Amino acid sequence: MLTKNEVIDLIEHNKTSYYQIVKYRYKDLFAYVKTLKGQSLAEQLYNYCYPGDYKCLTCGTDKVKFQEFTTGYKKYCSHKCVVNSTVVKQGQQTFFSDTKRVKTKVNKTKKTIKKRFGVSTWWHTAEGKKQIDEHNKKIKAKFPMEVNGRSRKQYTAAARHQTNLTYQKYKHILDPDNKRSRDYVLDHIYSIFDGFTNNIPVDVICHYTNLKLIHKTSNSSKNCRSDKTTEQLYEDYLEASSS
């Protein structure tokens, strides 16, 4: 069975495919971690590599949410516990939690801008308007609203529909433990956004080799980033299609 350091190294180099590798190549490890605490394989592997009693730093409950293997568990169980944490109680508040300091800083900035440019907000200055216009032009060029006669909205809708069909067909691979819910969602490793921008066919973007189940917080932080290249996307698709 793999050691803890070997598991960490495996996940480090196979972030998008370690589930299949562990399940089919290291069956003894897969069977063992299934006996550990955790609703997902990532959480069970985390508890195998970093065993411990993870509790909320404020109330002490063990109902802290697991995020992903690289970040582990949250420090607090709820926003209420964050607000009531020891740090805040001791008065060591962050800048943005001190509204008086924020207002003072904003007012000072407005006065400085008005003194220099004659207006209270930077984006009302000639220089500000010019920079905003240039930025908007770059955004439109980088994020097109239409590619080959198909809008981004149409492409996204088609991709969502095809993703659900793929999930139903390959659920035994993508979600063998039936974890898909509000907390665990299907992620496109090569993002739908990049698929639209680079004119990738929908059936390639939504192929099961480009899908994985991850926690919603990981999906939010990933946003529209792709975790594989276009070449890797097509290689995985063609390899699976030919087998």
Protein backbone atom coordinates (compact mmCIF):
# COMPACT_ATOMS: atom_id res chain seq x y z
CA MET A 1 0.00 0.00 0.00
CA LEU A 2 1.23 3.50 -0.80
CA THR A 3 2.76 5.58 1.98
CA LYS A 4 1.39 8.99 2.91
CA ASN A 5 4.14 10.85 1.06
CA GLU A 6 3.58 8.70 -2.02
CA VAL A 7 -0.15 9.52 -1.97
CA ILE A 8 0.60 13.24 -1.68
CA ASP A 9 3.02 13.00 -4.60
CA LEU A 10 0.49 11.00 -6.65
CA ILE A 11 -2.23 13.63 -6.21
CA GLU A 12 0.26 16.43 -6.87
CA HIS A 13 1.06 15.02 -10.31
CA ASN A 14 -2.41 13.65 -11.17
CA LYS A 15 -4.85 16.29 -9.91
CA THR A 16 -7.56 15.43 -12.42
CA SER A 17 -7.24 11.65 -12.58
CA TYR A 18 -6.05 10.42 -9.17
CA TYR A 19 -9.51 9.00 -8.37
CA GLN A 20 -9.33 6.47 -11.22
CA ILE A 21 -5.67 5.71 -10.49
CA VAL A 22 -6.27 4.97 -6.80
CA LYS A 23 -9.47 3.01 -7.44
CA TYR A 24 -8.17 0.72 -10.18
CA ARG A 25 -4.40 0.63 -9.65
CA TYR A 26 -4.14 0.72 -5.85
CA LYS A 27 -7.18 -1.25 -4.77
CA ASP A 28 -5.79 -2.03 -1.31
CA LEU A 29 -5.36 1.67 -0.57
CA PHE A 30 -8.81 2.43 -2.01
CA ALA A 31 -10.41 -0.21 0.22
CA TYR A 32 -8.55 1.05 3.30
CA VAL A 33 -9.33 4.77 2.95
CA LYS A 34 -13.00 3.93 2.47
CA THR A 35 -13.02 2.97 6.17
CA LEU A 36 -11.80 6.45 7.16
CA LYS A 37 -13.82 9.58 7.84
CA GLY A 38 -15.00 11.44 4.76
CA GLN A 39 -17.78 11.68 2.19
CA SER A 40 -15.45 11.79 -0.80
CA LEU A 41 -12.26 9.99 -1.78
CA ALA A 42 -10.36 13.30 -1.57
CA GLU A 43 -11.45 13.77 2.05
CA GLN A 44 -10.64 10.17 2.95
CA LEU A 45 -7.18 10.43 1.38
CA TYR A 46 -6.63 13.70 3.24
CA ASN A 47 -7.44 11.99 6.56
CA TYR A 48 -5.07 9.18 5.61
CA CYS A 49 -2.22 11.59 4.86
CA TYR A 50 -2.99 14.13 7.57
CA PRO A 51 -4.76 12.30 10.42
CA GLY A 52 -6.25 14.53 13.09
CA ASP A 53 -9.34 15.76 14.87
CA TYR A 54 -10.46 18.79 12.86
CA LYS A 55 -12.77 21.09 14.83
CA CYS A 56 -14.13 24.63 14.64
CA LEU A 57 -11.70 27.04 16.30
CA THR A 58 -14.58 28.93 17.94
CA CYS A 59 -17.24 26.45 19.10
CA GLY A 60 -15.23 23.21 18.97
CA THR A 61 -17.72 21.25 16.86
CA ASP A 62 -16.37 18.69 14.40
CA LYS A 63 -18.87 19.81 11.73
CA VAL A 64 -16.31 21.77 9.75
CA LYS A 65 -16.59 21.41 5.99
CA PHE A 66 -13.92 19.74 3.90
CA GLN A 67 -12.83 21.83 0.91
CA GLU A 68 -10.29 19.90 -1.16
CA PHE A 69 -7.12 17.86 -0.70
CA THR A 70 -4.74 20.80 -1.05
CA THR A 71 -6.55 23.03 1.47
CA GLY A 72 -8.16 20.50 3.84
CA TYR A 73 -10.87 21.51 6.30
CA LYS A 74 -12.24 24.97 7.01
CA LYS A 75 -11.17 26.55 10.29
CA TYR A 76 -14.71 27.53 11.27
CA CYS A 77 -18.05 25.76 10.95
CA SER A 78 -20.08 28.87 10.09
CA HIS A 79 -19.91 32.59 9.43
CA LYS A 80 -21.22 33.18 12.95
CA CYS A 81 -18.19 31.42 14.38
CA VAL A 82 -15.90 33.47 12.15
CA VAL A 83 -17.43 36.68 13.52
CA ASN A 84 -17.24 35.39 17.10
CA SER A 85 -13.73 34.05 16.74
CA THR A 86 -11.12 34.76 19.40
CA VAL A 87 -9.23 37.12 17.07
CA VAL A 88 -12.26 39.40 16.63
CA LYS A 89 -13.16 39.27 20.34
CA GLN A 90 -9.67 40.44 21.27
CA GLY A 91 -10.16 43.47 19.03
CA GLN A 92 -7.64 42.46 16.37
CA GLN A 93 -10.07 43.30 13.58
CA THR A 94 -9.11 43.43 9.94
CA PHE A 95 -9.15 46.73 8.10
CA PHE A 96 -12.43 46.05 6.26
CA SER A 97 -14.28 45.06 9.45
CA ASP A 98 -13.57 48.54 10.87
CA THR A 99 -16.10 50.70 9.02
CA LYS A 100 -14.78 53.97 10.46
CA ARG A 101 -11.28 53.31 9.12
CA VAL A 102 -12.70 52.37 5.72
CA LYS A 103 -14.82 55.56 5.48
CA THR A 104 -11.87 57.71 6.56
CA LYS A 105 -9.65 56.10 3.90
CA VAL A 106 -12.29 56.52 1.15
CA ASN A 107 -12.92 60.18 2.02
CA LYS A 108 -9.19 60.89 2.07
CA THR A 109 -8.77 59.27 -1.36
CA LYS A 110 -11.68 61.30 -2.78
CA LYS A 111 -10.17 64.55 -1.51
CA THR A 112 -6.79 63.69 -3.04
CA ILE A 113 -8.36 62.88 -6.44
CA LYS A 114 -10.48 66.06 -6.39
CA LYS A 115 -7.42 68.15 -5.58
CA ARG A 116 -5.47 66.65 -8.49
CA PHE A 117 -8.17 66.28 -11.17
CA GLY A 118 -11.08 68.48 -10.06
CA VAL A 119 -13.49 65.53 -9.60
CA SER A 120 -14.03 63.24 -6.62
CA THR A 121 -13.77 59.91 -8.47
CA TRP A 122 -10.89 58.77 -10.66
CA TRP A 123 -13.07 57.23 -13.39
CA HIS A 124 -14.62 60.65 -14.10
CA THR A 125 -11.22 62.06 -15.09
CA ALA A 126 -10.07 62.14 -18.72
CA GLU A 127 -7.25 59.72 -17.90
CA GLY A 128 -9.63 57.39 -16.07
CA LYS A 129 -12.14 57.32 -18.94
CA LYS A 130 -9.36 56.60 -21.41
CA GLN A 131 -8.01 53.67 -19.38
CA ILE A 132 -11.50 52.24 -18.86
CA ASP A 133 -12.22 52.40 -22.62
CA GLU A 134 -8.92 50.63 -23.38
CA HIS A 135 -9.68 47.99 -20.75
CA ASN A 136 -13.16 47.36 -22.18
CA LYS A 137 -11.72 46.90 -25.67
CA LYS A 138 -9.27 44.30 -24.35
CA ILE A 139 -12.06 42.48 -22.50
CA LYS A 140 -14.25 42.30 -25.62
CA ALA A 141 -11.32 40.95 -27.64
CA LYS A 142 -10.41 38.38 -24.99
CA PHE A 143 -13.98 37.32 -24.16
CA PRO A 144 -15.95 37.21 -27.44
CA MET A 145 -19.73 37.02 -27.27
CA GLU A 146 -20.02 35.08 -30.54
CA VAL A 147 -17.84 32.48 -32.30
CA ASN A 148 -18.70 31.10 -35.75
CA GLY A 149 -22.28 32.34 -35.52
CA ARG A 150 -22.96 30.71 -32.15
CA SER A 151 -23.41 32.85 -29.05
CA ARG A 152 -21.78 32.03 -25.73
CA LYS A 153 -25.22 31.53 -24.21
CA GLN A 154 -26.17 28.96 -26.87
CA TYR A 155 -22.86 27.10 -26.50
CA THR A 156 -23.16 27.01 -22.70
CA ALA A 157 -26.76 25.74 -22.83
CA ALA A 158 -25.79 22.96 -25.26
CA ALA A 159 -22.81 22.03 -23.06
CA ARG A 160 -24.94 21.84 -19.90
CA HIS A 161 -27.45 19.60 -21.65
CA GLN A 162 -24.74 17.30 -23.04
CA THR A 163 -23.02 17.18 -19.63
CA ASN A 164 -26.17 15.79 -18.00
CA LEU A 165 -26.47 13.14 -20.71
CA THR A 166 -22.82 12.17 -20.24
CA TYR A 167 -23.30 11.98 -16.46
CA GLN A 168 -26.24 9.61 -16.82
CA LYS A 169 -24.28 7.35 -19.19
CA TYR A 170 -20.99 7.32 -17.25
CA LYS A 171 -22.22 7.79 -13.70
CA HIS A 172 -20.45 4.57 -12.65
CA ILE A 173 -17.14 6.27 -13.51
CA LEU A 174 -17.83 9.90 -12.62
CA ASP A 175 -19.89 9.42 -9.48
CA PRO A 176 -19.80 5.82 -8.22
CA ASP A 177 -20.64 6.93 -4.66
CA ASN A 178 -23.61 9.06 -5.73
CA LYS A 179 -22.14 12.28 -4.25
CA ARG A 180 -23.47 14.78 -6.81
CA SER A 181 -25.50 17.38 -4.91
CA ARG A 182 -25.48 21.05 -3.99
CA ASP A 183 -22.09 20.55 -2.33
CA TYR A 184 -20.49 18.37 -5.02
CA VAL A 185 -20.81 19.43 -8.65
CA LEU A 186 -19.53 18.30 -12.03
CA ASP A 187 -16.56 20.32 -13.19
CA HIS A 188 -15.27 20.64 -16.74
CA ILE A 189 -11.48 20.20 -16.45
CA TYR A 190 -11.08 22.09 -19.72
CA SER A 191 -13.61 24.84 -19.07
CA ILE A 192 -16.75 25.55 -21.09
CA PHE A 193 -15.56 29.15 -21.42
CA ASP A 194 -12.30 28.11 -23.10
CA GLY A 195 -14.22 25.58 -25.16
CA PHE A 196 -16.42 28.35 -26.55
CA THR A 197 -13.49 30.75 -27.09
CA ASN A 198 -11.41 28.10 -28.91
CA ASN A 199 -14.37 26.63 -30.83
CA ILE A 200 -14.11 23.15 -29.27
CA PRO A 201 -17.00 20.80 -30.20
CA VAL A 202 -19.54 20.35 -27.41
CA ASP A 203 -19.23 16.56 -27.42
CA VAL A 204 -15.49 16.89 -26.75
CA ILE A 205 -15.92 19.41 -23.91
CA CYS A 206 -18.62 17.24 -22.32
CA HIS A 207 -16.87 13.89 -22.75
CA TYR A 208 -16.48 11.95 -19.50
CA THR A 209 -12.68 12.27 -19.67
CA ASN A 210 -13.14 16.04 -19.25
CA LEU A 211 -15.50 15.79 -16.27
CA LYS A 212 -14.84 15.30 -12.58
CA LEU A 213 -16.80 15.68 -9.36
CA ILE A 214 -15.45 18.40 -7.04
CA HIS A 215 -16.65 20.44 -4.08
CA LYS A 216 -18.59 23.61 -4.94
CA THR A 217 -15.98 25.82 -3.23
CA SER A 218 -13.25 24.39 -5.46
CA ASN A 219 -15.47 24.91 -8.49
CA SER A 220 -16.10 28.55 -7.52
CA SER A 221 -12.42 29.29 -6.98
CA LYS A 222 -11.55 27.59 -10.29
CA ASN A 223 -14.02 29.86 -12.12
CA CYS A 224 -13.34 29.57 -15.90
CA ARG A 225 -9.77 28.26 -15.58
CA SER A 226 -8.80 25.15 -17.53
CA ASP A 227 -6.68 22.51 -15.79
CA LYS A 228 -5.58 20.79 -18.99
CA THR A 229 -4.35 21.99 -22.36
CA THR A 230 -6.25 21.75 -25.66
CA GLU A 231 -3.84 19.00 -26.75
CA GLN A 232 -4.49 16.99 -23.57
CA LEU A 233 -8.24 17.45 -24.04
CA TYR A 234 -8.17 15.92 -27.52
CA GLU A 235 -5.67 13.20 -26.53
CA ASP A 236 -7.91 12.01 -23.69
CA TYR A 237 -10.99 12.17 -25.91
CA LEU A 238 -9.44 10.22 -28.80
CA GLU A 239 -7.84 7.63 -26.51
CA ALA A 240 -11.15 6.92 -24.75
CA SER A 241 -13.09 6.91 -28.02
CA SER A 242 -10.75 4.40 -29.66
CA SER A 243 -10.77 1.96 -26.74
